[in-house]
Amino acid sequence: MTDPTRKRQPRMPIEARRDQVLDAALRLITESGYAAASMEAIARTADIAKPRVYAAYPDRGQLIRALLEREEQHAIAALAEAMPRLSDDIDLPTTLAAAAENLLHAITEHPAAWRLLTLGTDEAPPEAREHYAAARRFALSQLRTLLETGRTNHPWLAGLDLELAAHSLLAVGEQTVRLILTGSPDFTPQRFGGFARSLLRALPSTAPG
């Protein structure tokens, strides 16, 4: 039944409507989890009639996939901007520290998107679990490439298990993002950047004798 008190909204292009629907879903999921983001709740949060939600996305699975893909594209763009250009003569400690601090600044500017991408997967629908797995594989691949590139100036990396090193860096990165997303003034990009630089300076520049 149509709510007679609902103010009729003007028509808008379908792409704009889809963004409106995805914004509402993002807010619900990051505040209350996936279970809270029903089609009815999304319509209510967006302040539109439920048929308009279905006109934008025929079912909840497609809506969740579209949301994850949109926010992943934002994350990839932030990561690409944060990462300095890779070359054989990069200074690995400086590159890692700068990239980490740049990325953390991007996270503080768009926290809701990153909360979505770092939520636990226990209560996530299948679409989200598949997405998380693919995103982690991509991140591991990027870290592995960075470590392999750094071997030129840091021969000590030759004896390191780069697969385990990439997994370890990813675990540290994920925890760092969670701490940043608490919003606590104790955890800032500058603090983590300084910590990373101090830690990485202690690494050897040549292979141990």
N, C-alpha and C. Protein backbone atom coordinates (compact mmCIF):
# COMPACT_ATOMS: atom_id res chain seq x y z
N MET A 1 0.85 -1.20 0.00
CA MET A 1 0.00 0.00 0.00
C MET A 1 0.89 1.24 0.00
N THR A 2 0.56 2.21 -0.83
CA THR A 2 1.35 3.43 -0.92
C THR A 2 1.12 4.29 0.32
N ASP A 3 2.20 4.82 0.87
CA ASP A 3 2.11 5.69 2.03
C ASP A 3 1.67 7.07 1.56
N PRO A 4 0.45 7.53 1.98
CA PRO A 4 -0.07 8.82 1.49
C PRO A 4 0.74 10.00 2.00
N THR A 5 1.53 9.79 3.06
CA THR A 5 2.32 10.89 3.62
C THR A 5 3.67 11.02 2.93
N ARG A 6 4.04 10.02 2.09
CA ARG A 6 5.34 10.08 1.43
C ARG A 6 5.32 11.17 0.35
N LYS A 7 6.33 12.02 0.40
CA LYS A 7 6.44 13.08 -0.59
C LYS A 7 6.96 12.49 -1.89
N ARG A 8 6.26 12.75 -2.99
CA ARG A 8 6.65 12.19 -4.28
C ARG A 8 7.99 12.79 -4.72
N GLN A 9 8.93 11.93 -5.02
CA GLN A 9 10.24 12.40 -5.45
C GLN A 9 10.28 12.54 -6.96
N PRO A 10 11.03 13.53 -7.45
CA PRO A 10 11.13 13.69 -8.91
C PRO A 10 11.88 12.51 -9.52
N ARG A 11 11.59 12.22 -10.78
CA ARG A 11 12.32 11.17 -11.47
C ARG A 11 13.78 11.60 -11.65
N MET A 12 14.67 10.60 -11.62
CA MET A 12 16.07 10.89 -11.85
C MET A 12 16.65 9.81 -12.75
N PRO A 13 17.76 10.10 -13.41
CA PRO A 13 18.38 9.09 -14.28
C PRO A 13 18.67 7.82 -13.49
N ILE A 14 18.62 6.67 -14.16
CA ILE A 14 18.77 5.39 -13.47
C ILE A 14 20.12 5.27 -12.78
N GLU A 15 21.19 5.83 -13.37
CA GLU A 15 22.49 5.74 -12.74
C GLU A 15 22.53 6.53 -11.43
N ALA A 16 21.88 7.69 -11.42
CA ALA A 16 21.81 8.47 -10.19
C ALA A 16 20.98 7.74 -9.14
N ARG A 17 19.89 7.08 -9.58
CA ARG A 17 19.06 6.31 -8.66
C ARG A 17 19.85 5.15 -8.07
N ARG A 18 20.64 4.49 -8.91
CA ARG A 18 21.45 3.38 -8.42
C ARG A 18 22.45 3.83 -7.38
N ASP A 19 23.08 4.97 -7.61
CA ASP A 19 24.01 5.50 -6.60
C ASP A 19 23.29 5.80 -5.30
N GLN A 20 22.09 6.34 -5.39
CA GLN A 20 21.29 6.64 -4.19
C GLN A 20 20.99 5.36 -3.41
N VAL A 21 20.64 4.31 -4.13
CA VAL A 21 20.33 3.02 -3.51
C VAL A 21 21.59 2.42 -2.88
N LEU A 22 22.71 2.46 -3.59
CA LEU A 22 23.95 1.90 -3.06
C LEU A 22 24.44 2.69 -1.85
N ASP A 23 24.27 3.99 -1.86
CA ASP A 23 24.67 4.80 -0.70
C ASP A 23 23.87 4.39 0.54
N ALA A 24 22.58 4.14 0.36
CA ALA A 24 21.74 3.71 1.48
C ALA A 24 22.17 2.34 1.98
N ALA A 25 22.46 1.43 1.05
CA ALA A 25 22.91 0.09 1.45
C ALA A 25 24.23 0.15 2.18
N LEU A 26 25.16 0.97 1.70
CA LEU A 26 26.46 1.13 2.35
C LEU A 26 26.29 1.61 3.79
N ARG A 27 25.42 2.58 3.98
CA ARG A 27 25.18 3.10 5.33
C ARG A 27 24.63 2.02 6.26
N LEU A 28 23.65 1.27 5.79
CA LEU A 28 23.04 0.22 6.61
C LEU A 28 24.05 -0.87 6.97
N ILE A 29 24.81 -1.32 5.99
CA ILE A 29 25.74 -2.43 6.22
C ILE A 29 26.86 -2.02 7.17
N THR A 30 27.43 -0.84 6.97
CA THR A 30 28.55 -0.43 7.81
C THR A 30 28.11 -0.08 9.22
N GLU A 31 26.85 0.30 9.38
CA GLU A 31 26.36 0.63 10.72
C GLU A 31 25.80 -0.58 11.46
N SER A 32 25.15 -1.51 10.71
CA SER A 32 24.43 -2.58 11.40
C SER A 32 24.66 -3.97 10.81
N GLY A 33 25.50 -4.10 9.80
CA GLY A 33 25.77 -5.41 9.23
C GLY A 33 24.89 -5.73 8.03
N TYR A 34 25.25 -6.80 7.33
CA TYR A 34 24.55 -7.17 6.10
C TYR A 34 23.08 -7.50 6.34
N ALA A 35 22.78 -8.12 7.47
CA ALA A 35 21.41 -8.54 7.72
C ALA A 35 20.45 -7.35 7.75
N ALA A 36 20.97 -6.17 8.12
CA ALA A 36 20.12 -4.99 8.21
C ALA A 36 19.75 -4.42 6.85
N ALA A 37 20.47 -4.82 5.80
CA ALA A 37 20.28 -4.21 4.49
C ALA A 37 19.30 -5.00 3.65
N SER A 38 18.05 -5.07 4.10
CA SER A 38 17.00 -5.67 3.28
C SER A 38 16.56 -4.64 2.23
N MET A 39 15.88 -5.08 1.22
CA MET A 39 15.41 -4.16 0.19
C MET A 39 14.46 -3.12 0.80
N GLU A 40 13.64 -3.55 1.73
CA GLU A 40 12.71 -2.62 2.38
C GLU A 40 13.47 -1.58 3.20
N ALA A 41 14.48 -2.03 3.96
CA ALA A 41 15.26 -1.10 4.77
C ALA A 41 16.05 -0.13 3.90
N ILE A 42 16.55 -0.61 2.78
CA ILE A 42 17.28 0.27 1.87
C ILE A 42 16.35 1.34 1.32
N ALA A 43 15.13 0.95 0.94
CA ALA A 43 14.15 1.92 0.44
C ALA A 43 13.85 2.96 1.50
N ARG A 44 13.67 2.51 2.73
CA ARG A 44 13.36 3.44 3.82
C ARG A 44 14.52 4.40 4.08
N THR A 45 15.74 3.88 4.08
CA THR A 45 16.90 4.72 4.33
C THR A 45 17.11 5.73 3.21
N ALA A 46 16.87 5.30 1.97
CA ALA A 46 17.00 6.20 0.82
C ALA A 46 15.81 7.13 0.66
N ASP A 47 14.74 6.86 1.45
CA ASP A 47 13.49 7.63 1.39
C ASP A 47 12.87 7.58 -0.01
N ILE A 48 12.80 6.35 -0.55
CA ILE A 48 12.14 6.15 -1.84
C ILE A 48 11.22 4.94 -1.72
N ALA A 49 10.31 4.79 -2.67
CA ALA A 49 9.41 3.64 -2.68
C ALA A 49 10.20 2.37 -3.03
N LYS A 50 9.81 1.25 -2.41
CA LYS A 50 10.53 0.00 -2.64
C LYS A 50 10.58 -0.40 -4.12
N PRO A 51 9.52 -0.19 -4.91
CA PRO A 51 9.62 -0.55 -6.34
C PRO A 51 10.77 0.17 -7.05
N ARG A 52 11.13 1.34 -6.59
CA ARG A 52 12.24 2.05 -7.23
C ARG A 52 13.58 1.39 -6.90
N VAL A 53 13.66 0.77 -5.74
CA VAL A 53 14.87 0.01 -5.41
C VAL A 53 14.98 -1.18 -6.35
N TYR A 54 13.86 -1.88 -6.55
CA TYR A 54 13.87 -3.04 -7.45
C TYR A 54 14.08 -2.63 -8.90
N ALA A 55 13.66 -1.42 -9.27
CA ALA A 55 13.91 -0.94 -10.63
C ALA A 55 15.41 -0.71 -10.85
N ALA A 56 16.10 -0.31 -9.78
CA ALA A 56 17.54 -0.09 -9.87
C ALA A 56 18.31 -1.41 -9.85
N TYR A 57 17.87 -2.33 -8.96
CA TYR A 57 18.52 -3.64 -8.82
C TYR A 57 17.44 -4.69 -8.60
N PRO A 58 17.30 -5.64 -9.52
CA PRO A 58 16.20 -6.61 -9.46
C PRO A 58 16.20 -7.48 -8.21
N ASP A 59 17.38 -7.71 -7.60
CA ASP A 59 17.40 -8.51 -6.38
C ASP A 59 18.56 -8.07 -5.49
N ARG A 60 18.53 -8.53 -4.25
CA ARG A 60 19.51 -8.09 -3.25
C ARG A 60 20.92 -8.55 -3.62
N GLY A 61 21.05 -9.74 -4.20
CA GLY A 61 22.37 -10.23 -4.57
C GLY A 61 23.05 -9.31 -5.56
N GLN A 62 22.31 -8.87 -6.59
CA GLN A 62 22.88 -7.96 -7.58
C GLN A 62 23.24 -6.62 -6.94
N LEU A 63 22.40 -6.18 -6.01
CA LEU A 63 22.67 -4.91 -5.33
C LEU A 63 23.96 -4.99 -4.52
N ILE A 64 24.13 -6.08 -3.76
CA ILE A 64 25.34 -6.24 -2.94
C ILE A 64 26.58 -6.32 -3.82
N ARG A 65 26.50 -7.08 -4.91
CA ARG A 65 27.64 -7.18 -5.82
C ARG A 65 28.01 -5.81 -6.40
N ALA A 66 26.99 -5.05 -6.79
CA ALA A 66 27.24 -3.72 -7.36
C ALA A 66 27.89 -2.80 -6.33
N LEU A 67 27.43 -2.89 -5.09
CA LEU A 67 28.01 -2.06 -4.04
C LEU A 67 29.48 -2.42 -3.81
N LEU A 68 29.77 -3.70 -3.70
CA LEU A 68 31.14 -4.13 -3.49
C LEU A 68 32.04 -3.73 -4.65
N GLU A 69 31.55 -3.88 -5.87
CA GLU A 69 32.35 -3.50 -7.03
C GLU A 69 32.61 -2.00 -7.06
N ARG A 70 31.61 -1.21 -6.70
CA ARG A 70 31.80 0.25 -6.69
C ARG A 70 32.85 0.65 -5.67
N GLU A 71 32.73 0.12 -4.45
CA GLU A 71 33.67 0.51 -3.40
C GLU A 71 35.06 -0.05 -3.66
N GLU A 72 35.13 -1.23 -4.31
CA GLU A 72 36.45 -1.78 -4.66
C GLU A 72 37.15 -0.88 -5.67
N GLN A 73 36.40 -0.34 -6.62
CA GLN A 73 37.01 0.56 -7.60
C GLN A 73 37.55 1.80 -6.92
N HIS A 74 36.82 2.32 -5.93
CA HIS A 74 37.33 3.46 -5.17
C HIS A 74 38.61 3.09 -4.44
N ALA A 75 38.63 1.89 -3.85
CA ALA A 75 39.81 1.44 -3.10
C ALA A 75 41.01 1.25 -4.02
N ILE A 76 40.78 0.65 -5.19
CA ILE A 76 41.88 0.43 -6.14
C ILE A 76 42.44 1.76 -6.61
N ALA A 77 41.57 2.73 -6.85
CA ALA A 77 42.03 4.05 -7.27
C ALA A 77 42.88 4.70 -6.18
N ALA A 78 42.45 4.55 -4.92
CA ALA A 78 43.22 5.11 -3.80
C ALA A 78 44.56 4.41 -3.67
N LEU A 79 44.57 3.08 -3.86
CA LEU A 79 45.81 2.32 -3.77
C LEU A 79 46.77 2.71 -4.89
N ALA A 80 46.24 2.87 -6.11
CA ALA A 80 47.08 3.25 -7.24
C ALA A 80 47.70 4.62 -7.03
N GLU A 81 46.93 5.53 -6.44
CA GLU A 81 47.45 6.87 -6.19
C GLU A 81 48.48 6.86 -5.07
N ALA A 82 48.28 5.98 -4.09
CA ALA A 82 49.19 5.93 -2.94
C ALA A 82 50.54 5.30 -3.30
N MET A 83 50.54 4.34 -4.22
CA MET A 83 51.77 3.61 -4.53
C MET A 83 52.67 4.40 -5.45
N PRO A 84 53.92 4.64 -5.05
CA PRO A 84 54.88 5.27 -5.97
C PRO A 84 55.15 4.33 -7.14
N ARG A 85 55.67 4.88 -8.22
CA ARG A 85 55.99 4.06 -9.39
C ARG A 85 57.09 3.06 -9.06
N LEU A 86 56.87 1.80 -9.41
CA LEU A 86 57.85 0.77 -9.10
C LEU A 86 58.94 0.72 -10.17
N SER A 87 60.18 0.51 -9.71
CA SER A 87 61.30 0.33 -10.62
C SER A 87 62.35 -0.50 -9.89
N ASP A 88 63.34 -0.97 -10.64
CA ASP A 88 64.35 -1.84 -10.05
C ASP A 88 65.21 -1.13 -9.00
N ASP A 89 65.26 0.20 -9.07
CA ASP A 89 66.13 0.92 -8.13
C ASP A 89 65.36 1.59 -6.99
N ILE A 90 64.14 1.09 -6.71
CA ILE A 90 63.37 1.69 -5.61
C ILE A 90 64.06 1.44 -4.27
N ASP A 91 63.85 2.37 -3.36
CA ASP A 91 64.27 2.16 -1.97
C ASP A 91 63.06 1.57 -1.25
N LEU A 92 63.12 0.29 -0.94
CA LEU A 92 61.95 -0.43 -0.44
C LEU A 92 61.39 0.16 0.86
N PRO A 93 62.22 0.42 1.89
CA PRO A 93 61.65 0.98 3.13
C PRO A 93 60.94 2.30 2.92
N THR A 94 61.55 3.21 2.14
CA THR A 94 60.92 4.50 1.90
C THR A 94 59.62 4.35 1.11
N THR A 95 59.64 3.46 0.12
CA THR A 95 58.46 3.24 -0.72
C THR A 95 57.31 2.66 0.10
N LEU A 96 57.59 1.65 0.92
CA LEU A 96 56.54 1.03 1.74
C LEU A 96 55.95 2.02 2.73
N ALA A 97 56.80 2.80 3.40
CA ALA A 97 56.31 3.75 4.40
C ALA A 97 55.46 4.83 3.76
N ALA A 98 55.93 5.37 2.62
CA ALA A 98 55.18 6.43 1.95
C ALA A 98 53.84 5.90 1.45
N ALA A 99 53.85 4.71 0.85
CA ALA A 99 52.62 4.13 0.33
C ALA A 99 51.62 3.88 1.46
N ALA A 100 52.10 3.37 2.59
CA ALA A 100 51.22 3.08 3.71
C ALA A 100 50.57 4.36 4.24
N GLU A 101 51.37 5.40 4.42
CA GLU A 101 50.81 6.65 4.96
C GLU A 101 49.83 7.27 3.99
N ASN A 102 50.15 7.27 2.69
CA ASN A 102 49.24 7.83 1.69
C ASN A 102 47.91 7.08 1.68
N LEU A 103 47.98 5.76 1.75
CA LEU A 103 46.76 4.95 1.72
C LEU A 103 45.92 5.18 2.98
N LEU A 104 46.56 5.30 4.12
CA LEU A 104 45.82 5.52 5.36
C LEU A 104 45.12 6.88 5.35
N HIS A 105 45.75 7.88 4.74
CA HIS A 105 45.06 9.17 4.59
C HIS A 105 43.81 9.01 3.74
N ALA A 106 43.91 8.21 2.66
CA ALA A 106 42.74 7.98 1.81
C ALA A 106 41.63 7.28 2.58
N ILE A 107 41.99 6.38 3.46
CA ILE A 107 41.01 5.65 4.26
C ILE A 107 40.27 6.58 5.21
N THR A 108 40.99 7.51 5.82
CA THR A 108 40.33 8.45 6.75
C THR A 108 39.38 9.39 6.01
N GLU A 109 39.61 9.60 4.71
CA GLU A 109 38.73 10.47 3.93
C GLU A 109 37.44 9.77 3.53
N HIS A 110 37.46 8.44 3.39
CA HIS A 110 36.27 7.67 2.99
C HIS A 110 36.13 6.44 3.87
N PRO A 111 35.90 6.63 5.17
CA PRO A 111 35.90 5.49 6.10
C PRO A 111 34.80 4.47 5.85
N ALA A 112 33.61 4.91 5.42
CA ALA A 112 32.50 3.96 5.25
C ALA A 112 32.84 2.90 4.21
N ALA A 113 33.44 3.32 3.11
CA ALA A 113 33.79 2.37 2.06
C ALA A 113 34.78 1.34 2.56
N TRP A 114 35.75 1.76 3.35
CA TRP A 114 36.77 0.84 3.83
C TRP A 114 36.22 -0.06 4.93
N ARG A 115 35.24 0.43 5.69
CA ARG A 115 34.60 -0.45 6.67
C ARG A 115 33.91 -1.60 5.95
N LEU A 116 33.26 -1.29 4.84
CA LEU A 116 32.60 -2.33 4.07
C LEU A 116 33.61 -3.37 3.59
N LEU A 117 34.77 -2.92 3.12
CA LEU A 117 35.76 -3.82 2.53
C LEU A 117 36.55 -4.59 3.57
N THR A 118 36.44 -4.21 4.84
CA THR A 118 37.19 -4.91 5.89
C THR A 118 36.28 -5.58 6.91
N LEU A 119 34.97 -5.62 6.63
CA LEU A 119 34.06 -6.31 7.54
C LEU A 119 34.39 -7.80 7.60
N GLY A 120 34.10 -8.41 8.74
CA GLY A 120 34.25 -9.85 8.83
C GLY A 120 33.30 -10.56 7.89
N THR A 121 33.63 -11.78 7.51
CA THR A 121 32.82 -12.47 6.51
C THR A 121 31.86 -13.50 7.09
N ASP A 122 31.82 -13.66 8.38
CA ASP A 122 30.97 -14.70 8.98
C ASP A 122 29.50 -14.53 8.61
N GLU A 123 29.01 -13.29 8.67
CA GLU A 123 27.60 -13.06 8.38
C GLU A 123 27.38 -12.51 6.98
N ALA A 124 28.43 -12.44 6.19
CA ALA A 124 28.31 -11.89 4.85
C ALA A 124 27.66 -12.88 3.90
N PRO A 125 26.90 -12.38 2.92
CA PRO A 125 26.30 -13.27 1.92
C PRO A 125 27.38 -13.83 1.00
N PRO A 126 27.06 -14.87 0.23
CA PRO A 126 28.07 -15.48 -0.65
C PRO A 126 28.74 -14.49 -1.59
N GLU A 127 27.97 -13.53 -2.12
CA GLU A 127 28.54 -12.55 -3.05
C GLU A 127 29.69 -11.79 -2.39
N ALA A 128 29.52 -11.44 -1.11
CA ALA A 128 30.54 -10.68 -0.41
C ALA A 128 31.75 -11.55 -0.08
N ARG A 129 31.51 -12.80 0.31
CA ARG A 129 32.64 -13.68 0.65
C ARG A 129 33.53 -13.92 -0.57
N GLU A 130 32.91 -14.13 -1.72
CA GLU A 130 33.68 -14.32 -2.95
C GLU A 130 34.49 -13.06 -3.27
N HIS A 131 33.88 -11.91 -3.04
CA HIS A 131 34.53 -10.63 -3.32
C HIS A 131 35.73 -10.43 -2.40
N TYR A 132 35.55 -10.72 -1.11
CA TYR A 132 36.66 -10.55 -0.16
C TYR A 132 37.84 -11.44 -0.55
N ALA A 133 37.55 -12.68 -0.93
CA ALA A 133 38.61 -13.61 -1.29
C ALA A 133 39.39 -13.09 -2.50
N ALA A 134 38.67 -12.58 -3.50
CA ALA A 134 39.34 -12.05 -4.69
C ALA A 134 40.16 -10.81 -4.36
N ALA A 135 39.63 -9.95 -3.50
CA ALA A 135 40.36 -8.73 -3.12
C ALA A 135 41.64 -9.06 -2.37
N ARG A 136 41.59 -10.07 -1.49
CA ARG A 136 42.79 -10.46 -0.76
C ARG A 136 43.83 -11.06 -1.69
N ARG A 137 43.39 -11.84 -2.68
CA ARG A 137 44.34 -12.39 -3.65
C ARG A 137 45.03 -11.28 -4.43
N PHE A 138 44.27 -10.26 -4.79
CA PHE A 138 44.85 -9.12 -5.51
C PHE A 138 45.88 -8.40 -4.63
N ALA A 139 45.53 -8.15 -3.38
CA ALA A 139 46.45 -7.46 -2.47
C ALA A 139 47.73 -8.26 -2.26
N LEU A 140 47.59 -9.57 -2.10
CA LEU A 140 48.77 -10.42 -1.92
C LEU A 140 49.66 -10.38 -3.16
N SER A 141 49.05 -10.39 -4.33
CA SER A 141 49.82 -10.32 -5.56
C SER A 141 50.60 -9.02 -5.66
N GLN A 142 49.96 -7.90 -5.28
CA GLN A 142 50.63 -6.60 -5.32
C GLN A 142 51.81 -6.55 -4.35
N LEU A 143 51.61 -7.09 -3.15
CA LEU A 143 52.68 -7.10 -2.15
C LEU A 143 53.84 -7.97 -2.61
N ARG A 144 53.52 -9.11 -3.17
CA ARG A 144 54.56 -10.01 -3.67
C ARG A 144 55.38 -9.32 -4.76
N THR A 145 54.70 -8.62 -5.66
CA THR A 145 55.40 -7.89 -6.73
C THR A 145 56.32 -6.82 -6.15
N LEU A 146 55.83 -6.10 -5.15
CA LEU A 146 56.64 -5.06 -4.52
C LEU A 146 57.89 -5.64 -3.87
N LEU A 147 57.75 -6.76 -3.18
CA LEU A 147 58.90 -7.40 -2.54
C LEU A 147 59.89 -7.92 -3.57
N GLU A 148 59.39 -8.49 -4.64
CA GLU A 148 60.28 -9.00 -5.69
C GLU A 148 61.05 -7.86 -6.36
N THR A 149 60.38 -6.72 -6.56
CA THR A 149 61.04 -5.56 -7.16
C THR A 149 62.13 -5.02 -6.25
N GLY A 150 61.89 -5.07 -4.93
CA GLY A 150 62.85 -4.55 -3.97
C GLY A 150 64.10 -5.39 -3.81
N ARG A 151 64.14 -6.59 -4.38
CA ARG A 151 65.30 -7.46 -4.22
C ARG A 151 66.57 -6.87 -4.84
N THR A 152 66.41 -6.03 -5.85
CA THR A 152 67.59 -5.47 -6.54
C THR A 152 68.48 -4.70 -5.58
N ASN A 153 67.87 -3.84 -4.77
CA ASN A 153 68.66 -3.02 -3.83
C ASN A 153 68.73 -3.62 -2.45
N HIS A 154 68.01 -4.70 -2.22
CA HIS A 154 67.98 -5.31 -0.89
C HIS A 154 68.18 -6.81 -1.03
N PRO A 155 69.45 -7.23 -1.25
CA PRO A 155 69.73 -8.65 -1.51
C PRO A 155 69.29 -9.58 -0.38
N TRP A 156 69.17 -9.05 0.84
CA TRP A 156 68.76 -9.90 1.95
C TRP A 156 67.36 -10.48 1.73
N LEU A 157 66.58 -9.84 0.83
CA LEU A 157 65.25 -10.37 0.52
C LEU A 157 65.32 -11.69 -0.23
N ALA A 158 66.51 -11.98 -0.84
CA ALA A 158 66.64 -13.20 -1.63
C ALA A 158 66.43 -14.44 -0.78
N GLY A 159 66.77 -14.36 0.49
CA GLY A 159 66.61 -15.52 1.36
C GLY A 159 65.30 -15.54 2.11
N LEU A 160 64.42 -14.58 1.82
CA LEU A 160 63.14 -14.47 2.53
C LEU A 160 62.05 -15.20 1.77
N ASP A 161 61.17 -15.88 2.49
CA ASP A 161 60.00 -16.51 1.88
C ASP A 161 59.02 -15.40 1.53
N LEU A 162 59.00 -15.01 0.26
CA LEU A 162 58.20 -13.84 -0.14
C LEU A 162 56.70 -14.09 -0.02
N GLU A 163 56.27 -15.33 -0.16
CA GLU A 163 54.84 -15.62 0.00
C GLU A 163 54.40 -15.36 1.44
N LEU A 164 55.19 -15.89 2.39
CA LEU A 164 54.85 -15.66 3.80
C LEU A 164 55.03 -14.19 4.17
N ALA A 165 56.02 -13.53 3.60
CA ALA A 165 56.23 -12.11 3.87
C ALA A 165 55.03 -11.30 3.39
N ALA A 166 54.50 -11.62 2.19
CA ALA A 166 53.34 -10.90 1.67
C ALA A 166 52.12 -11.13 2.56
N HIS A 167 51.91 -12.38 3.01
CA HIS A 167 50.78 -12.67 3.92
C HIS A 167 50.94 -11.90 5.23
N SER A 168 52.16 -11.83 5.74
CA SER A 168 52.40 -11.13 7.00
C SER A 168 52.13 -9.64 6.85
N LEU A 169 52.60 -9.04 5.75
CA LEU A 169 52.36 -7.62 5.52
C LEU A 169 50.87 -7.33 5.36
N LEU A 170 50.15 -8.25 4.69
CA LEU A 170 48.71 -8.05 4.52
C LEU A 170 48.00 -8.10 5.87
N ALA A 171 48.38 -9.04 6.73
CA ALA A 171 47.76 -9.14 8.05
C ALA A 171 47.99 -7.88 8.87
N VAL A 172 49.23 -7.37 8.82
CA VAL A 172 49.54 -6.13 9.53
C VAL A 172 48.73 -4.98 8.95
N GLY A 173 48.64 -4.93 7.61
CA GLY A 173 47.88 -3.87 6.96
C GLY A 173 46.41 -3.89 7.33
N GLU A 174 45.82 -5.08 7.36
CA GLU A 174 44.40 -5.20 7.71
C GLU A 174 44.14 -4.73 9.13
N GLN A 175 45.03 -5.10 10.06
CA GLN A 175 44.85 -4.66 11.44
C GLN A 175 45.04 -3.15 11.56
N THR A 176 45.99 -2.61 10.81
CA THR A 176 46.21 -1.17 10.82
C THR A 176 44.97 -0.43 10.35
N VAL A 177 44.36 -0.91 9.28
CA VAL A 177 43.14 -0.29 8.77
C VAL A 177 42.03 -0.33 9.83
N ARG A 178 41.90 -1.46 10.52
CA ARG A 178 40.87 -1.56 11.57
C ARG A 178 41.10 -0.53 12.67
N LEU A 179 42.36 -0.34 13.05
CA LEU A 179 42.67 0.63 14.10
C LEU A 179 42.36 2.06 13.62
N ILE A 180 42.71 2.35 12.38
CA ILE A 180 42.41 3.68 11.82
C ILE A 180 40.91 3.92 11.81
N LEU A 181 40.13 2.88 11.48
CA LEU A 181 38.68 3.03 11.34
C LEU A 181 37.96 3.16 12.69
N THR A 182 38.67 2.93 13.79
CA THR A 182 38.03 3.18 15.08
C THR A 182 37.75 4.66 15.28
N GLY A 183 38.47 5.50 14.53
CA GLY A 183 38.30 6.94 14.68
C GLY A 183 39.01 7.51 15.89
N SER A 184 39.78 6.68 16.59
CA SER A 184 40.49 7.15 17.77
C SER A 184 41.61 8.11 17.37
N PRO A 185 41.75 9.23 18.09
CA PRO A 185 42.85 10.16 17.80
C PRO A 185 44.21 9.55 18.10
N ASP A 186 44.24 8.41 18.80
CA ASP A 186 45.51 7.75 19.09
C ASP A 186 46.10 7.07 17.86
N PHE A 187 45.26 6.76 16.87
CA PHE A 187 45.73 6.03 15.69
C PHE A 187 45.54 6.90 14.45
N THR A 188 46.63 7.49 13.99
CA THR A 188 46.58 8.39 12.84
C THR A 188 47.51 7.90 11.75
N PRO A 189 47.26 8.31 10.49
CA PRO A 189 48.18 7.94 9.41
C PRO A 189 49.62 8.39 9.69
N GLN A 190 49.76 9.58 10.28
CA GLN A 190 51.10 10.09 10.57
C GLN A 190 51.83 9.20 11.57
N ARG A 191 51.11 8.74 12.58
CA ARG A 191 51.74 7.87 13.58
C ARG A 191 52.18 6.56 12.95
N PHE A 192 51.32 5.96 12.15
CA PHE A 192 51.69 4.69 11.51
C PHE A 192 52.81 4.89 10.50
N GLY A 193 52.79 6.04 9.79
CA GLY A 193 53.86 6.31 8.84
C GLY A 193 55.20 6.44 9.53
N GLY A 194 55.22 7.16 10.66
CA GLY A 194 56.46 7.30 11.43
C GLY A 194 56.95 5.96 11.97
N PHE A 195 56.00 5.14 12.44
CA PHE A 195 56.37 3.81 12.95
C PHE A 195 56.97 2.96 11.84
N ALA A 196 56.33 2.99 10.66
CA ALA A 196 56.82 2.19 9.54
C ALA A 196 58.22 2.63 9.12
N ARG A 197 58.45 3.93 9.07
CA ARG A 197 59.78 4.41 8.69
C ARG A 197 60.84 4.00 9.70
N SER A 198 60.52 4.12 10.99
CA SER A 198 61.48 3.73 12.02
C SER A 198 61.79 2.24 11.95
N LEU A 199 60.75 1.45 11.76
CA LEU A 199 60.93 0.00 11.71
C LEU A 199 61.73 -0.41 10.48
N LEU A 200 61.40 0.18 9.33
CA LEU A 200 62.04 -0.22 8.10
C LEU A 200 63.49 0.24 8.00
N ARG A 201 63.83 1.34 8.71
CA ARG A 201 65.22 1.78 8.73
C ARG A 201 66.13 0.78 9.40
N ALA A 202 65.54 -0.01 10.29
CA ALA A 202 66.34 -1.02 11.01
C ALA A 202 66.65 -2.24 10.15
N LEU A 203 66.01 -2.36 9.00
CA LEU A 203 66.26 -3.50 8.14
C LEU A 203 67.63 -3.38 7.47
N PRO A 204 68.32 -4.48 7.23
CA PRO A 204 69.62 -4.41 6.56
C PRO A 204 69.46 -4.04 5.10
N SER A 205 70.47 -3.34 4.57
CA SER A 205 70.45 -2.97 3.15
C SER A 205 71.22 -3.97 2.30
N THR A 206 71.94 -4.89 2.97
CA THR A 206 72.68 -5.92 2.25
C THR A 206 72.37 -7.28 2.86
N ALA A 207 72.69 -8.30 2.15
CA ALA A 207 72.46 -9.64 2.68
C ALA A 207 73.37 -9.90 3.86
N PRO A 208 72.90 -10.59 4.91
CA PRO A 208 73.74 -10.90 6.04
C PRO A 208 74.91 -11.79 5.62
N GLY A 209 76.09 -11.55 6.22
CA GLY A 209 77.27 -12.31 5.84
C GLY A 209 77.29 -13.71 6.43
